Amino acid sequence: MGAAAPISIPWTRRKAVALAVLGLGVVQGLGFGQGLGFANADAAAIFTVSRKRLLNETAHAQALRQAEIELTAELQRWVDAIKAELSAEEQELARLRPTLDGEVFAARVAAFDRKVRGQRREAQKYATILQNAFRAERRKLVDALGPLLEEARAARGASVILNADQVLAADPEHDITDEVIARFNATVPPPVIPGIEVRPPVQPPAQEDEQPPQ
């Protein structure tokens, strides 16, 4: 009998076999020949920290939040007082309208309008001052977190620290949020609380009722 004819394997099957053999070699070379090989993986430490808690529970954040509440309320009281003053002045103008010369009345109305616009600008200015000041102090808080987290990572010998707020599952013992908050409170200077010196509304002097000319 002649030599057996070589077995003909279609190209697609030969390609699949070659890839399977190659793949097996790569898997074995990577140490995944037994099971999934997780036992041989590097067990570097991974810790978690809640960024949300850091931004809300540090003494820095709590002081800013309380100050913002108090200063916003103070500013609102000032705005309310200004509104009451302007409302009273507007009512007084309406009362005096029949008693005043047309030009005099028009001048007083124009002055009143300028006062309203000026007070509105003042209120907007103070609101912007507060907003910018608190934004700057919160930015300082965020900027201080980076070095503290790196310090905690190095001290713990961790390979990485993850945001606990975005981790699906983790060992609670690897959450070091309390540790970082305590370190933050001990090392980061307290925030600079912005101040506003709003001028009290100026009450117009009491005037006797003006009588119409005889």
Protein backbone atom coordinates (compact mmCIF):
# COMPACT_ATOMS: atom_id res chain seq x y z
CA MET A 1 0.00 0.00 0.00
CA GLY A 2 1.15 3.46 -0.68
CA ALA A 3 1.73 6.05 1.97
CA ALA A 4 -1.38 7.36 3.55
CA ALA A 5 -2.53 10.52 1.99
CA PRO A 6 -2.11 13.54 4.27
CA ILE A 7 -5.25 14.58 6.02
CA SER A 8 -6.56 17.73 4.49
CA ILE A 9 -7.81 20.25 7.04
CA PRO A 10 -9.66 23.23 5.71
CA TRP A 11 -7.87 26.55 6.28
CA THR A 12 -10.50 27.84 8.64
CA ARG A 13 -10.15 24.78 10.87
CA ARG A 14 -6.34 24.93 10.70
CA LYS A 15 -6.47 28.56 11.74
CA ALA A 16 -8.74 27.75 14.66
CA VAL A 17 -6.50 24.90 15.85
CA ALA A 18 -3.39 27.04 15.59
CA LEU A 19 -4.99 29.83 17.58
CA ALA A 20 -6.16 27.35 20.22
CA VAL A 21 -2.65 25.89 20.60
CA LEU A 22 -1.11 29.33 20.69
CA GLY A 23 -3.65 30.50 23.21
CA LEU A 24 -3.00 27.50 25.42
CA GLY A 25 0.71 28.23 25.36
CA VAL A 26 0.14 31.86 26.32
CA VAL A 27 -2.19 30.91 29.15
CA GLN A 28 0.29 28.38 30.49
CA GLY A 29 3.12 30.86 30.15
CA LEU A 30 1.19 33.37 32.25
CA GLY A 31 0.67 30.87 35.01
CA PHE A 32 -3.03 30.35 34.38
CA GLY A 33 -2.67 26.66 33.61
CA GLN A 34 -4.25 25.65 36.92
CA GLY A 35 -7.71 27.04 37.52
CA LEU A 36 -7.89 30.80 37.06
CA GLY A 37 -4.61 31.47 38.79
CA PHE A 38 -5.94 34.08 41.23
CA ALA A 39 -3.98 32.49 44.04
CA ASN A 40 -0.79 33.62 42.33
CA ALA A 41 -1.95 37.21 41.82
CA ASP A 42 -0.23 40.04 43.66
CA ALA A 43 -2.28 40.74 46.77
CA ALA A 44 -1.37 44.44 47.01
CA ALA A 45 -3.44 46.32 49.59
CA ILE A 46 -6.35 48.41 48.37
CA PHE A 47 -8.14 50.84 50.67
CA THR A 48 -11.23 52.96 50.25
CA VAL A 49 -12.14 56.48 51.37
CA SER A 50 -15.52 58.16 51.03
CA ARG A 51 -14.98 61.40 49.16
CA LYS A 52 -18.52 62.48 50.03
CA ARG A 53 -17.80 62.16 53.73
CA LEU A 54 -14.51 64.00 53.41
CA LEU A 55 -16.29 66.95 51.77
CA ASN A 56 -19.03 67.03 54.39
CA GLU A 57 -17.75 65.71 57.72
CA THR A 58 -14.40 67.39 58.22
CA ALA A 59 -14.32 70.27 60.70
CA HIS A 60 -13.39 72.51 57.76
CA ALA A 61 -16.51 71.57 55.81
CA GLN A 62 -18.81 71.81 58.82
CA ALA A 63 -17.51 75.27 59.75
CA LEU A 64 -18.03 76.49 56.19
CA ARG A 65 -21.54 75.08 56.04
CA GLN A 66 -22.57 76.71 59.33
CA ALA A 67 -21.00 80.05 58.40
CA GLU A 68 -22.71 80.03 55.02
CA ILE A 69 -26.09 79.44 56.66
CA GLU A 70 -25.57 82.26 59.16
CA LEU A 71 -24.18 84.79 56.68
CA THR A 72 -26.83 84.03 54.10
CA ALA A 73 -29.50 84.60 56.74
CA GLU A 74 -27.81 87.87 57.77
CA LEU A 75 -27.74 89.05 54.18
CA GLN A 76 -31.40 88.10 53.73
CA ARG A 77 -32.36 90.10 56.83
CA TRP A 78 -30.55 93.10 55.39
CA VAL A 79 -32.31 92.69 52.04
CA ASP A 80 -35.68 92.43 53.78
CA ALA A 81 -34.98 95.61 55.75
CA ILE A 82 -34.02 97.44 52.55
CA LYS A 83 -37.21 96.25 50.86
CA ALA A 84 -39.29 97.48 53.80
CA GLU A 85 -37.54 100.85 53.70
CA LEU A 86 -38.08 101.26 49.96
CA SER A 87 -41.69 100.19 50.24
CA ALA A 88 -42.34 102.80 52.94
CA GLU A 89 -40.61 105.46 50.86
CA GLU A 90 -42.66 104.53 47.81
CA GLN A 91 -45.88 104.81 49.81
CA GLU A 92 -44.77 108.21 51.11
CA LEU A 93 -44.18 109.42 47.56
CA ALA A 94 -47.63 108.28 46.56
CA ARG A 95 -49.11 110.11 49.55
CA LEU A 96 -47.28 113.34 48.73
CA ARG A 97 -47.96 113.29 45.03
CA PRO A 98 -51.04 115.57 45.18
CA THR A 99 -49.15 118.09 47.35
CA LEU A 100 -45.97 118.47 45.29
CA ASP A 101 -45.16 120.48 42.22
CA GLY A 102 -44.86 118.27 39.12
CA GLU A 103 -41.15 118.93 38.65
CA VAL A 104 -40.42 118.40 42.33
CA PHE A 105 -42.34 115.15 42.34
CA ALA A 106 -40.58 113.93 39.17
CA ALA A 107 -37.18 114.69 40.73
CA ARG A 108 -38.07 112.75 43.86
CA VAL A 109 -39.28 109.80 41.82
CA ALA A 110 -36.04 109.82 39.81
CA ALA A 111 -34.01 109.89 43.05
CA PHE A 112 -36.08 107.02 44.41
CA ASP A 113 -35.46 104.95 41.27
CA ARG A 114 -31.71 105.57 41.56
CA LYS A 115 -31.84 104.45 45.17
CA VAL A 116 -33.68 101.24 44.24
CA ARG A 117 -31.10 100.40 41.56
CA GLY A 118 -28.24 101.20 43.93
CA GLN A 119 -29.60 98.98 46.68
CA ARG A 120 -30.16 96.18 44.20
CA ARG A 121 -26.52 96.44 43.11
CA GLU A 122 -25.42 96.39 46.75
CA ALA A 123 -27.38 93.22 47.44
CA GLN A 124 -25.96 91.53 44.34
CA LYS A 125 -22.45 92.62 45.30
CA TYR A 126 -22.67 91.09 48.78
CA ALA A 127 -24.22 87.89 47.43
CA THR A 128 -21.35 87.56 44.93
CA ILE A 129 -18.75 88.21 47.63
CA LEU A 130 -20.18 85.41 49.76
CA GLN A 131 -20.49 82.99 46.86
CA ASN A 132 -16.92 83.54 45.68
CA ALA A 133 -15.48 83.40 49.20
CA PHE A 134 -17.14 80.11 50.09
CA ARG A 135 -16.23 78.63 46.69
CA ALA A 136 -12.57 79.54 47.28
CA GLU A 137 -12.56 77.98 50.76
CA ARG A 138 -14.15 74.78 49.49
CA ARG A 139 -11.52 74.63 46.76
CA LYS A 140 -8.86 74.77 49.49
CA LEU A 141 -10.56 71.80 51.15
CA VAL A 142 -10.45 69.76 47.94
CA ASP A 143 -6.83 70.75 47.26
CA ALA A 144 -5.80 69.60 50.75
CA LEU A 145 -7.25 66.13 50.24
CA GLY A 146 -4.72 65.04 47.60
CA PRO A 147 -1.61 65.19 49.81
CA LEU A 148 -3.48 63.65 52.74
CA LEU A 149 -4.68 60.72 50.68
CA GLU A 150 -1.20 60.12 49.30
CA GLU A 151 0.18 60.25 52.84
CA ALA A 152 -2.40 57.69 53.98
CA ARG A 153 -1.66 55.46 50.99
CA ALA A 154 2.08 55.48 51.69
CA ALA A 155 1.59 54.93 55.42
CA ARG A 156 -0.65 51.95 54.78
CA GLY A 157 1.55 50.52 52.04
CA ALA A 158 -1.43 50.54 49.71
CA SER A 159 -1.15 50.32 45.96
CA VAL A 160 -4.27 52.41 45.47
CA ILE A 161 -7.04 54.16 47.39
CA LEU A 162 -10.47 54.03 45.78
CA ASN A 163 -13.49 56.25 46.27
CA ALA A 164 -15.75 54.24 48.56
CA ASP A 165 -18.80 56.01 47.12
CA GLN A 166 -18.22 54.30 43.76
CA VAL A 167 -17.15 50.83 44.91
CA LEU A 168 -19.75 48.09 44.62
CA ALA A 169 -18.31 45.88 47.37
CA ALA A 170 -15.40 46.22 49.76
CA ASP A 171 -14.18 45.00 53.13
CA PRO A 172 -15.27 47.62 55.71
CA GLU A 173 -11.97 47.12 57.51
CA HIS A 174 -10.23 48.61 54.46
CA ASP A 175 -12.26 51.84 54.66
CA ILE A 176 -9.99 54.46 56.20
CA THR A 177 -12.30 57.47 55.86
CA ASP A 178 -12.37 58.15 59.61
CA GLU A 179 -8.58 58.03 59.72
CA VAL A 180 -8.24 60.56 56.89
CA ILE A 181 -10.87 62.87 58.41
CA ALA A 182 -9.05 62.85 61.75
CA ARG A 183 -5.77 63.61 60.00
CA PHE A 184 -7.41 66.40 58.01
CA ASN A 185 -8.83 68.02 61.15
CA ALA A 186 -5.45 67.82 62.88
CA THR A 187 -3.32 69.26 60.09
CA VAL A 188 -5.38 71.51 57.80
CA PRO A 189 -5.82 75.10 59.04
CA PRO A 190 -9.39 76.18 59.74
CA PRO A 191 -11.21 77.92 56.91
CA VAL A 192 -11.23 81.67 56.54
CA ILE A 193 -14.83 82.64 57.15
CA PRO A 194 -15.77 85.51 54.84
CA GLY A 195 -17.31 88.56 56.40
CA ILE A 196 -19.78 91.04 55.04
CA GLU A 197 -20.31 94.50 56.43
CA VAL A 198 -23.65 95.45 55.05
CA ARG A 199 -24.72 98.97 55.75
CA PRO A 200 -27.94 99.22 57.73
CA PRO A 201 -30.79 100.74 55.82
CA VAL A 202 -30.94 104.48 56.31
CA GLN A 203 -34.31 105.53 57.59
CA PRO A 204 -35.46 108.84 56.12
CA PRO A 205 -35.99 111.55 58.72
CA ALA A 206 -39.52 112.06 59.84
CA GLN A 207 -41.16 114.86 57.93
CA GLU A 208 -44.23 116.82 58.73
CA ASP A 209 -47.05 116.44 56.29
CA GLU A 210 -46.64 118.90 53.49
CA GLN A 211 -49.71 120.96 52.86
CA PRO A 212 -50.80 122.00 49.42
CA PRO A 213 -50.23 125.69 48.66
CA GLN A 214 -53.14 127.94 49.59
